[in-house]
C-alpha atoms as a PDB file:
ATOM      1  CA  MET A   1      -1.133  -3.048 -18.434  1.00  0.00           C
ATOM      2  CA  ASN A   2      -2.736  -0.151 -16.600  1.00  0.00           C
ATOM      3  CA  GLY A   3       0.372   0.953 -14.713  1.00  0.00           C
ATOM      4  CA  PHE A   4      -0.818  -0.396 -11.354  1.00  0.00           C
ATOM      5  CA  GLN A   5       2.365  -1.220  -9.497  1.00  0.00           C
ATOM      6  CA  THR A   6       2.389  -4.393  -7.401  1.00  0.00           C
ATOM      7  CA  GLU A   7       6.077  -4.650  -6.420  1.00  0.00           C
ATOM      8  CA  PHE A   8       8.231  -2.002  -4.799  1.00  0.00           C
ATOM      9  CA  PRO A   9      11.984  -1.761  -4.124  1.00  0.00           C
ATOM     10  CA  PHE A  10      13.324  -0.997  -0.671  1.00  0.00           C
ATOM     11  CA  THR A  11      16.658  -0.522   1.064  1.00  0.00           C
ATOM     12  CA  LEU A  12      16.925  -1.704   4.655  1.00  0.00           C
ATOM     13  CA  PRO A  13      18.478   0.801   7.081  1.00  0.00           C
ATOM     14  CA  THR A  14      20.856  -1.806   8.539  1.00  0.00           C
ATOM     15  CA  GLY A  15      20.508  -4.972   6.462  1.00  0.00           C
ATOM     16  CA  TYR A  16      20.065  -8.701   6.936  1.00  0.00           C
ATOM     17  CA  LEU A  17      23.292 -10.394   8.022  1.00  0.00           C
ATOM     18  CA  ASP A  18      23.348 -13.975   6.731  1.00  0.00           C
ATOM     19  CA  SER A  19      25.199 -16.919   8.287  1.00  0.00           C
ATOM     20  CA  GLU A  20      28.237 -16.250   6.088  1.00  0.00           C
ATOM     21  CA  GLY A  21      28.533 -12.636   7.212  1.00  0.00           C
ATOM     22  CA  THR A  22      27.106 -11.047   4.044  1.00  0.00           C
ATOM     23  CA  LEU A  23      24.895  -8.004   4.555  1.00  0.00           C
ATOM     24  CA  HIS A  24      21.801  -7.793   2.338  1.00  0.00           C
ATOM     25  CA  ARG A  25      20.008  -4.427   2.133  1.00  0.00           C
ATOM     26  CA  GLU A  26      18.261  -4.168  -1.255  1.00  0.00           C
ATOM     27  CA  GLY A  27      14.971  -5.977  -1.733  1.00  0.00           C
ATOM     28  CA  MET A  28      11.492  -6.023  -3.197  1.00  0.00           C
ATOM     29  CA  MET A  29       8.103  -6.214  -1.527  1.00  0.00           C
ATOM     30  CA  ARG A  30       4.822  -6.903  -3.267  1.00  0.00           C
ATOM     31  CA  ARG A  31       1.396  -5.630  -2.342  1.00  0.00           C
ATOM     32  CA  ALA A  32      -0.439  -8.023  -0.032  1.00  0.00           C
ATOM     33  CA  THR A  33      -3.458 -10.082  -1.000  1.00  0.00           C
ATOM     34  CA  ALA A  34      -6.323 -11.001   1.296  1.00  0.00           C
ATOM     35  CA  ALA A  35      -4.785 -14.474   1.645  1.00  0.00           C
ATOM     36  CA  ASP A  36      -1.508 -12.938   2.836  1.00  0.00           C
ATOM     37  CA  GLU A  37      -3.335 -11.492   5.829  1.00  0.00           C
ATOM     38  CA  ILE A  38      -5.725 -14.398   6.475  1.00  0.00           C
ATOM     39  CA  VAL A  39      -3.647 -17.572   5.954  1.00  0.00           C
ATOM     40  CA  PRO A  40      -1.032 -16.736   8.653  1.00  0.00           C
ATOM     41  CA  LEU A  41      -3.814 -16.588  11.247  1.00  0.00           C
ATOM     42  CA  ARG A  42      -4.054 -20.401  10.950  1.00  0.00           C
ATOM     43  CA  ASP A  43      -0.340 -20.842  11.706  1.00  0.00           C
ATOM     44  CA  PRO A  44       0.200 -22.383  15.166  1.00  0.00           C
ATOM     45  CA  ARG A  45       3.059 -19.930  15.838  1.00  0.00           C
ATOM     46  CA  VAL A  46       0.652 -17.021  15.345  1.00  0.00           C
ATOM     47  CA  GLN A  47      -2.057 -18.705  17.427  1.00  0.00           C
ATOM     48  CA  ALA A  48       0.469 -19.139  20.258  1.00  0.00           C
ATOM     49  CA  ASN A  49       1.849 -15.595  19.921  1.00  0.00           C
ATOM     50  CA  ALA A  50      -0.077 -12.942  17.969  1.00  0.00           C
ATOM     51  CA  SER A  51       3.122 -10.888  17.616  1.00  0.00           C
ATOM     52  CA  TYR A  52       4.440 -13.560  15.237  1.00  0.00           C
ATOM     53  CA  LEU A  53       1.848 -12.540  12.615  1.00  0.00           C
ATOM     54  CA  ILE A  54       4.101  -9.817  11.174  1.00  0.00           C
ATOM     55  CA  ILE A  55       6.943 -12.343  10.760  1.00  0.00           C
ATOM     56  CA  ILE A  56       4.794 -14.698   8.675  1.00  0.00           C
ATOM     57  CA  LEU A  57       3.184 -11.832   6.788  1.00  0.00           C
ATOM     58  CA  LEU A  58       6.488 -10.239   5.787  1.00  0.00           C
ATOM     59  CA  SER A  59       7.927 -13.618   4.770  1.00  0.00           C
ATOM     60  CA  ARG A  60       5.030 -13.879   2.303  1.00  0.00           C
ATOM     61  CA  VAL A  61       5.302 -10.392   0.744  1.00  0.00           C
ATOM     62  CA  VAL A  62       9.071  -9.748   0.705  1.00  0.00           C
ATOM     63  CA  THR A  63       9.921 -11.253  -2.674  1.00  0.00           C
ATOM     64  CA  SER A  64      13.675 -10.667  -2.631  1.00  0.00           C
ATOM     65  CA  LEU A  65      16.425  -9.525  -0.313  1.00  0.00           C
ATOM     66  CA  GLY A  66      19.900  -9.231  -1.769  1.00  0.00           C
ATOM     67  CA  ASP A  67      21.224 -12.678  -2.699  1.00  0.00           C
ATOM     68  CA  VAL A  68      19.085 -14.570  -0.160  1.00  0.00           C
ATOM     69  CA  ALA A  69      17.678 -17.589  -2.021  1.00  0.00           C
ATOM     70  CA  MET A  70      14.322 -17.767  -0.230  1.00  0.00           C
ATOM     71  CA  ILE A  71      12.627 -15.392   2.170  1.00  0.00           C
ATOM     72  CA  THR A  72      11.411 -17.549   5.066  1.00  0.00           C
ATOM     73  CA  PRO A  73      10.076 -16.678   8.506  1.00  0.00           C
ATOM     74  CA  GLN A  74      13.567 -17.500   9.810  1.00  0.00           C
ATOM     75  CA  VAL A  75      15.075 -14.807   7.555  1.00  0.00           C
ATOM     76  CA  ILE A  76      12.567 -12.239   8.830  1.00  0.00           C
ATOM     77  CA  GLU A  77      13.275 -13.360  12.426  1.00  0.00           C
ATOM     78  CA  GLY A  78      16.955 -12.665  11.757  1.00  0.00           C
ATOM     79  CA  LEU A  79      16.401  -9.013  10.867  1.00  0.00           C
ATOM     80  CA  PHE A  80      17.614  -6.288  13.168  1.00  0.00           C
ATOM     81  CA  VAL A  81      14.732  -4.522  14.973  1.00  0.00           C
ATOM     82  CA  GLU A  82      15.316  -1.311  12.988  1.00  0.00           C
ATOM     83  CA  ASP A  83      14.862  -3.255   9.728  1.00  0.00           C
ATOM     84  CA  LEU A  84      11.763  -5.091  10.983  1.00  0.00           C
ATOM     85  CA  ASN A  85      10.207  -1.739  11.944  1.00  0.00           C
ATOM     86  CA  TYR A  86      11.164  -0.312   8.552  1.00  0.00           C
ATOM     87  CA  LEU A  87       9.523  -3.222   6.693  1.00  0.00           C
ATOM     88  CA  GLN A  88       6.350  -2.941   8.799  1.00  0.00           C
ATOM     89  CA  SER A  89       6.107   0.733   7.908  1.00  0.00           C
ATOM     90  CA  PHE A  90       6.884   0.055   4.236  1.00  0.00           C
ATOM     91  CA  TYR A  91       4.196  -2.677   4.191  1.00  0.00           C
ATOM     92  CA  LYS A  92       1.614  -0.205   5.508  1.00  0.00           C
ATOM     93  CA  THR A  93       2.686   2.421   2.970  1.00  0.00           C
ATOM     94  CA  ILE A  94       2.405   0.221  -0.123  1.00  0.00           C
ATOM     95  CA  ASN A  95      -0.838  -1.409   0.998  1.00  0.00           C
ATOM     96  CA  THR A  96      -2.732   1.726   2.018  1.00  0.00           C
ATOM     97  CA  SER A  97      -1.667   4.199  -0.644  1.00  0.00           C
ATOM     98  CA  GLU A  98      -2.896   4.282  -4.227  1.00  0.00           C
ATOM     99  CA  ASN A  99       0.487   5.469  -5.507  1.00  0.00           C
ATOM    100  CA  PRO A 100       3.115   4.697  -2.867  1.00  0.00           C
ATOM    101  CA  SER A 101       6.624   5.991  -3.391  1.00  0.00           C
ATOM    102  CA  GLU A 102       8.850   3.551  -5.214  1.00  0.00           C
ATOM    103  CA  ASP A 103      11.613   3.599  -2.634  1.00  0.00           C
ATOM    104  CA  ARG A 104      11.690   4.889   0.903  1.00  0.00           C
ATOM    105  CA  THR A 105      15.404   4.819   1.463  1.00  0.00           C
ATOM    106  CA  ARG A 106      16.857   7.042   4.117  1.00  0.00           C
END
């Protein structure tokens, strides 16, 4: 392997609070593919509201979040605004930099 990193750890500022009251902060995000940015454009939720694109996009590239079994659009919808903003920024960092930092914790 050439050392090209495709997955990066992150720590949410607040954390995702699941239905059982557990807070999940540690996760992993992978670099996006062209399909990650194109396929969500066909989703009716995105066609009805362009702002929903980031929800679908993040649900595709966040590969883990604490003990959450599957990262779905509903999980991303359940994030606190501070965490959604953090993940949007982290997404931009790892997809526009050749060697992004491994963790952008506060």
